[in-house]
Amino acid sequence: MAVRPDIVSPTARGTAAVVAAAVLWGTAGTVGTLGLGGRPDAVALAAARLVSGGFVLAVAAGPAAWRRPARARSLAAGAVAVAAYQLCYFAAVGRTGVAVGTVVAIGSGPVFAGLISWLYDRRRPGRRWTLATAAAVAGCAALVSGGQSVGADPGGVLLALAGGLLYGFYAVTASRAITAGAPSGAVMGVMFGGAAAVMLPVLLWRGTAWLGEPRGLLTVLYLGCATTALAYFLYGRGLRTTPVARAATLALAEPAVAALLGLFVLHERLTAVSWAGLVLLGAGLVVAAVPERARPARTTAQERAQSSA
């Protein structure tokens, strides 16, 4: 039986949009592996993905978004953060390995988003968010590491933490602009269009000859249009009704999707610890998907009784 869209709550639609964005992000690794097989280097591929996806978002936003962008200064800072996140993440992975770099960067993102949102909006994250985020981050760590002993380079860890901080910053920046009334498409268009302009010199520096090959071009078109433009369009729609701290936690569905695609499409193996991490990550996402009930406001009589006690 189909569910009528008019009886689905805005909160549920926002949650679904964020999770759909995370699912699209989770396909990026598998598509990149199948399409390019390690060519070109990861930085060039990430730059091409961001340039193409940012261009699509900028065009979709329309000229009006660029003539009078809401919160222009903060969105410009957010655009720089989007580009800097890519550089910090790949620099971290290069120094401390994929497992540690991924866990620290992706796992710290929701925590930083919650803290920055608390700092800006004076709204403390609830206990359910704290529990869900802790479970999801722990599950992500177990899933990615597989229980194996991995070394951690201090400089690489700091770069990964910087990446998580940048992610939290640009997520909160977008959320604040959207909740203030700016169209989500315009916010994402300005932010990612600006990031594309920042990353274009990086792409040219790393080389573009591989884009002349059909497989390379098709792979980048998918990564740019689906895992960047469409994904962040959905993420922006989700931020209309989903608090940014919860949205960042829900986005941890990305490594779960990536792991399942690696298992069934790339025929990778998961250890028992990875399976346990996948289950724990899933449980954390389920808890995060259920919004917390608003605490009832105390009546004036209750407040007077407590103050006189």
Protein backbone atom coordinates (compact mmCIF):
# COMPACT_ATOMS: atom_id res chain seq x y z
CA MET A 1 0.00 0.00 0.00
CA ALA A 2 1.50 3.31 -1.08
CA VAL A 3 2.00 6.04 1.49
CA ARG A 4 0.35 9.31 0.54
CA PRO A 5 2.99 12.09 0.47
CA ASP A 6 0.61 14.56 2.10
CA ILE A 7 0.42 12.49 5.30
CA VAL A 8 4.19 12.06 5.66
CA SER A 9 5.49 14.56 8.18
CA PRO A 10 8.08 17.16 7.11
CA THR A 11 10.47 15.68 9.70
CA ALA A 12 10.20 12.24 8.12
CA ARG A 13 10.72 13.67 4.63
CA GLY A 14 13.77 15.57 5.85
CA THR A 15 15.23 12.44 7.43
CA ALA A 16 14.61 10.46 4.24
CA ALA A 17 16.32 13.15 2.15
CA VAL A 18 19.44 13.13 4.34
CA VAL A 19 19.65 9.32 4.31
CA ALA A 20 19.17 9.29 0.52
CA ALA A 21 22.07 11.74 0.23
CA ALA A 22 24.24 9.47 2.38
CA VAL A 23 23.34 6.47 0.21
CA LEU A 24 24.50 8.36 -2.87
CA TRP A 25 27.75 9.34 -1.14
CA GLY A 26 28.29 5.70 -0.27
CA THR A 27 28.31 4.68 -3.94
CA ALA A 28 31.25 6.94 -4.81
CA GLY A 29 34.04 4.53 -3.84
CA THR A 30 32.59 1.57 -5.72
CA VAL A 31 31.89 3.60 -8.86
CA GLY A 32 35.33 5.15 -8.78
CA THR A 33 36.97 1.73 -8.38
CA LEU A 34 34.97 0.10 -11.16
CA GLY A 35 35.19 3.07 -13.50
CA LEU A 36 38.83 4.04 -13.11
CA GLY A 37 40.61 1.24 -11.27
CA GLY A 38 42.95 3.55 -9.40
CA ARG A 39 43.54 6.01 -12.25
CA PRO A 40 43.88 8.96 -11.75
CA ASP A 41 45.13 9.73 -8.24
CA ALA A 42 42.56 10.31 -5.52
CA VAL A 43 43.13 14.07 -5.29
CA ALA A 44 42.52 14.58 -9.02
CA LEU A 45 39.38 12.46 -8.87
CA ALA A 46 38.04 14.34 -5.83
CA ALA A 47 38.79 17.68 -7.50
CA ALA A 48 37.03 16.63 -10.72
CA ARG A 49 34.04 15.39 -8.73
CA LEU A 50 33.74 18.64 -6.81
CA VAL A 51 34.26 20.85 -9.86
CA SER A 52 31.63 19.04 -11.94
CA GLY A 53 29.12 18.68 -9.10
CA GLY A 54 29.60 22.26 -7.94
CA PHE A 55 29.06 23.52 -11.47
CA VAL A 56 25.77 21.60 -11.73
CA LEU A 57 24.57 22.95 -8.36
CA ALA A 58 25.58 26.51 -9.30
CA VAL A 59 23.70 26.36 -12.61
CA ALA A 60 20.65 24.77 -10.98
CA ALA A 61 20.56 27.51 -8.35
CA GLY A 62 19.99 30.11 -11.07
CA PRO A 63 21.34 33.65 -11.52
CA ALA A 64 19.29 35.06 -8.64
CA ALA A 65 21.26 33.02 -6.11
CA TRP A 66 24.45 34.74 -7.23
CA ARG A 67 23.11 38.27 -7.48
CA ARG A 68 21.79 38.37 -3.92
CA PRO A 69 23.10 35.36 -2.01
CA ALA A 70 21.80 35.07 1.54
CA ARG A 71 24.54 35.27 4.18
CA ALA A 72 27.11 35.89 1.45
CA ARG A 73 30.13 36.06 3.76
CA SER A 74 29.30 32.91 5.67
CA LEU A 75 28.55 30.99 2.46
CA ALA A 76 31.87 32.13 1.00
CA ALA A 77 33.59 30.79 4.11
CA GLY A 78 31.56 27.60 3.75
CA ALA A 79 32.72 27.23 0.13
CA VAL A 80 36.36 27.47 1.22
CA ALA A 81 35.64 24.90 3.94
CA VAL A 82 34.14 22.47 1.41
CA ALA A 83 37.28 22.65 -0.73
CA ALA A 84 39.64 22.55 2.25
CA TYR A 85 37.86 19.47 3.62
CA GLN A 86 38.79 17.54 0.47
CA LEU A 87 42.45 18.51 0.78
CA CYS A 88 42.64 17.77 4.51
CA TYR A 89 40.95 14.39 4.10
CA PHE A 90 43.27 13.14 1.37
CA ALA A 91 46.33 14.55 3.09
CA ALA A 92 45.27 12.71 6.26
CA VAL A 93 44.73 9.45 4.39
CA GLY A 94 48.14 9.83 2.77
CA ARG A 95 49.86 10.20 6.15
CA THR A 96 47.94 7.86 8.43
CA GLY A 97 46.17 5.42 6.11
CA VAL A 98 42.64 4.98 4.82
CA ALA A 99 41.19 3.32 7.93
CA VAL A 100 42.35 5.86 10.52
CA GLY A 101 41.91 8.86 8.24
CA THR A 102 38.36 7.86 7.29
CA VAL A 103 37.24 7.02 10.82
CA VAL A 104 38.65 10.23 12.34
CA ALA A 105 37.43 12.57 9.58
CA ILE A 106 33.97 11.07 9.05
CA GLY A 107 33.45 10.09 12.67
CA SER A 108 34.41 13.47 14.11
CA GLY A 109 32.19 15.36 11.64
CA PRO A 110 28.88 14.83 13.50
CA VAL A 111 30.52 15.66 16.83
CA PHE A 112 31.91 18.94 15.50
CA ALA A 113 28.57 19.73 13.82
CA GLY A 114 26.77 19.26 17.14
CA LEU A 115 29.28 21.39 19.03
CA ILE A 116 29.32 24.20 16.46
CA SER A 117 25.53 24.22 16.31
CA TRP A 118 25.42 24.40 20.11
CA LEU A 119 27.92 27.27 20.07
CA TYR A 120 26.02 29.28 17.45
CA ASP A 121 22.41 28.55 18.33
CA ARG A 122 22.73 27.86 22.08
CA ARG A 123 20.77 24.66 21.60
CA ARG A 124 22.32 21.76 23.43
CA PRO A 125 22.11 18.41 21.60
CA GLY A 126 19.80 15.93 23.32
CA ARG A 127 20.71 12.69 25.04
CA ARG A 128 19.32 10.58 22.20
CA TRP A 129 21.57 12.36 19.70
CA THR A 130 24.56 11.81 21.98
CA LEU A 131 23.81 8.10 22.35
CA ALA A 132 23.09 7.63 18.64
CA THR A 133 26.23 9.51 17.58
CA ALA A 134 28.46 7.59 20.00
CA ALA A 135 27.08 4.26 18.76
CA ALA A 136 27.34 5.24 15.09
CA VAL A 137 30.92 6.53 15.42
CA ALA A 138 32.01 3.41 17.34
CA GLY A 139 30.33 1.24 14.74
CA CYS A 140 32.01 3.18 11.93
CA ALA A 141 35.42 2.69 13.59
CA ALA A 142 34.87 -1.07 13.93
CA LEU A 143 33.51 -1.35 10.39
CA VAL A 144 36.42 0.47 8.75
CA SER A 145 39.24 -0.98 10.85
CA GLY A 146 37.89 -4.54 10.89
CA GLY A 147 39.47 -5.09 14.28
CA GLN A 148 42.98 -4.93 12.82
CA SER A 149 45.77 -3.10 14.56
CA VAL A 150 46.49 0.06 12.61
CA GLY A 151 49.14 2.68 13.22
CA ALA A 152 48.16 6.31 13.63
CA ASP A 153 50.40 9.14 12.52
CA PRO A 154 49.79 12.13 14.82
CA GLY A 155 50.02 14.63 11.96
CA GLY A 156 47.61 12.59 9.89
CA VAL A 157 45.14 12.37 12.75
CA LEU A 158 45.28 16.15 13.21
CA LEU A 159 44.60 16.65 9.51
CA ALA A 160 41.65 14.25 9.72
CA LEU A 161 40.29 16.14 12.73
CA ALA A 162 40.68 19.37 10.78
CA GLY A 163 38.64 17.74 8.02
CA GLY A 164 35.91 16.79 10.50
CA LEU A 165 35.88 20.35 11.85
CA LEU A 166 35.59 21.78 8.33
CA TYR A 167 32.72 19.43 7.53
CA GLY A 168 30.91 20.44 10.70
CA PHE A 169 31.47 24.10 9.89
CA TYR A 170 30.10 24.02 6.35
CA ALA A 171 27.17 21.80 7.37
CA VAL A 172 26.18 24.26 10.12
CA THR A 173 26.74 27.22 7.78
CA ALA A 174 24.36 25.74 5.21
CA SER A 175 21.82 24.80 7.88
CA ARG A 176 21.75 28.28 9.41
CA ALA A 177 21.23 29.93 6.02
CA ILE A 178 18.44 27.50 5.12
CA THR A 179 16.62 27.78 8.44
CA ALA A 180 16.85 31.58 8.12
CA GLY A 181 14.71 31.33 5.00
CA ALA A 182 17.17 31.02 2.12
CA PRO A 183 16.23 28.43 -0.54
CA SER A 184 18.21 25.26 0.06
CA GLY A 185 19.09 24.95 -3.65
CA ALA A 186 20.50 28.47 -3.71
CA VAL A 187 22.56 27.86 -0.56
CA MET A 188 24.08 24.66 -1.92
CA GLY A 189 24.60 26.23 -5.34
CA VAL A 190 26.54 29.19 -3.97
CA MET A 191 28.55 27.11 -1.52
CA PHE A 192 29.51 24.30 -3.87
CA GLY A 193 29.85 26.56 -6.89
CA GLY A 194 32.38 28.56 -4.91
CA ALA A 195 34.14 25.35 -3.84
CA ALA A 196 34.32 24.28 -7.48
CA ALA A 197 36.09 27.52 -8.36
CA VAL A 198 38.58 26.92 -5.55
CA MET A 199 39.26 23.33 -6.63
CA LEU A 200 39.56 24.01 -10.37
CA PRO A 201 43.27 25.00 -10.14
CA VAL A 202 43.91 21.80 -8.16
CA LEU A 203 42.30 19.74 -10.91
CA LEU A 204 44.36 21.47 -13.60
CA TRP A 205 47.52 20.97 -11.52
CA ARG A 206 46.90 17.23 -11.08
CA GLY A 207 46.15 16.75 -14.78
CA THR A 208 43.01 16.28 -16.88
CA ALA A 209 44.17 14.01 -19.72
CA TRP A 210 42.32 11.05 -18.18
CA LEU A 211 39.02 12.91 -18.65
CA GLY A 212 39.41 12.42 -22.40
CA GLU A 213 38.78 8.70 -21.94
CA PRO A 214 35.10 7.66 -22.06
CA ARG A 215 35.32 5.70 -18.81
CA GLY A 216 36.96 8.59 -17.02
CA LEU A 217 34.44 11.13 -18.27
CA LEU A 218 31.41 8.93 -17.47
CA THR A 219 32.74 8.16 -14.00
CA VAL A 220 33.27 11.85 -13.19
CA LEU A 221 29.83 12.72 -14.57
CA TYR A 222 28.24 10.20 -12.22
CA LEU A 223 30.33 11.27 -9.25
CA GLY A 224 29.65 14.94 -9.94
CA CYS A 225 25.96 14.76 -10.87
CA ALA A 226 24.79 11.98 -8.53
CA THR A 227 27.14 11.79 -5.52
CA THR A 228 27.72 15.55 -5.30
CA ALA A 229 25.01 17.63 -7.01
CA LEU A 230 21.98 15.40 -6.36
CA ALA A 231 23.27 14.26 -2.97
CA TYR A 232 23.84 17.78 -1.65
CA PHE A 233 20.57 18.97 -3.18
CA LEU A 234 18.84 16.28 -1.09
CA TYR A 235 20.98 17.10 1.95
CA GLY A 236 19.96 20.74 1.67
CA ARG A 237 16.30 19.73 1.45
CA GLY A 238 16.76 17.60 4.53
CA LEU A 239 18.29 20.47 6.49
CA ARG A 240 15.03 22.38 6.14
CA THR A 241 13.43 20.21 8.83
CA THR A 242 16.32 18.18 10.28
CA PRO A 243 18.62 19.72 12.91
CA VAL A 244 22.14 19.79 11.52
CA ALA A 245 23.60 17.70 14.37
CA ARG A 246 21.14 14.87 13.66
CA ALA A 247 21.62 15.23 9.90
CA ALA A 248 25.40 14.84 10.31
CA THR A 249 24.88 11.67 12.34
CA LEU A 250 22.44 10.25 9.78
CA ALA A 251 25.07 10.92 7.10
CA LEU A 252 27.16 8.17 8.71
CA ALA A 253 25.04 5.81 6.61
CA GLU A 254 27.65 6.55 3.94
CA PRO A 255 30.33 4.08 5.19
CA ALA A 256 27.65 1.43 5.77
CA VAL A 257 26.49 1.69 2.15
CA ALA A 258 30.09 1.71 0.93
CA ALA A 259 30.85 -1.45 2.95
CA LEU A 260 27.78 -3.30 1.63
CA LEU A 261 28.59 -2.34 -1.97
CA GLY A 262 32.16 -3.49 -1.45
CA LEU A 263 30.84 -6.79 -0.13
CA PHE A 264 28.28 -7.53 -2.85
CA VAL A 265 29.72 -5.71 -5.87
CA LEU A 266 33.49 -5.74 -5.36
CA HIS A 267 33.42 -9.11 -3.52
CA GLU A 268 35.33 -7.79 -0.54
CA ARG A 269 35.22 -9.59 2.81
CA LEU A 270 34.13 -8.28 6.16
CA THR A 271 35.62 -9.57 9.38
CA ALA A 272 33.47 -10.45 12.37
CA VAL A 273 34.44 -7.12 13.96
CA SER A 274 33.37 -5.28 10.81
CA TRP A 275 30.00 -7.04 10.84
CA ALA A 276 29.54 -6.08 14.49
CA GLY A 277 30.47 -2.50 13.63
CA LEU A 278 27.96 -2.48 10.77
CA VAL A 279 25.21 -3.63 13.14
CA LEU A 280 26.18 -1.04 15.77
CA LEU A 281 26.33 1.69 13.12
CA GLY A 282 22.89 0.69 11.87
CA ALA A 283 21.48 0.78 15.39
CA GLY A 284 22.90 4.25 15.94
CA LEU A 285 21.35 5.47 12.70
CA VAL A 286 17.95 4.06 13.64
CA VAL A 287 18.10 5.86 16.99
CA ALA A 288 19.18 9.09 15.27
CA ALA A 289 16.36 8.82 12.73
CA VAL A 290 13.71 9.03 15.46
CA PRO A 291 13.35 12.68 16.51
CA GLU A 292 13.46 13.49 20.18
CA ARG A 293 10.26 14.60 21.81
CA ALA A 294 10.24 18.22 22.80
CA ARG A 295 10.28 18.65 26.55
CA PRO A 296 7.04 20.27 27.72
CA ALA A 297 7.46 23.81 28.89
CA ARG A 298 6.95 24.27 32.61
CA THR A 299 4.02 26.39 33.60
CA THR A 300 4.45 29.63 35.47
CA ALA A 301 2.81 28.07 38.55
CA GLN A 302 5.35 25.23 38.49
CA GLU A 303 8.22 27.68 38.21
CA ARG A 304 6.90 29.78 41.12
CA ALA A 305 6.45 26.67 43.26
CA GLN A 306 10.03 25.56 42.56
CA SER A 307 11.46 29.01 43.23
CA SER A 308 9.62 29.28 46.56
CA ALA A 309 10.60 25.81 47.72
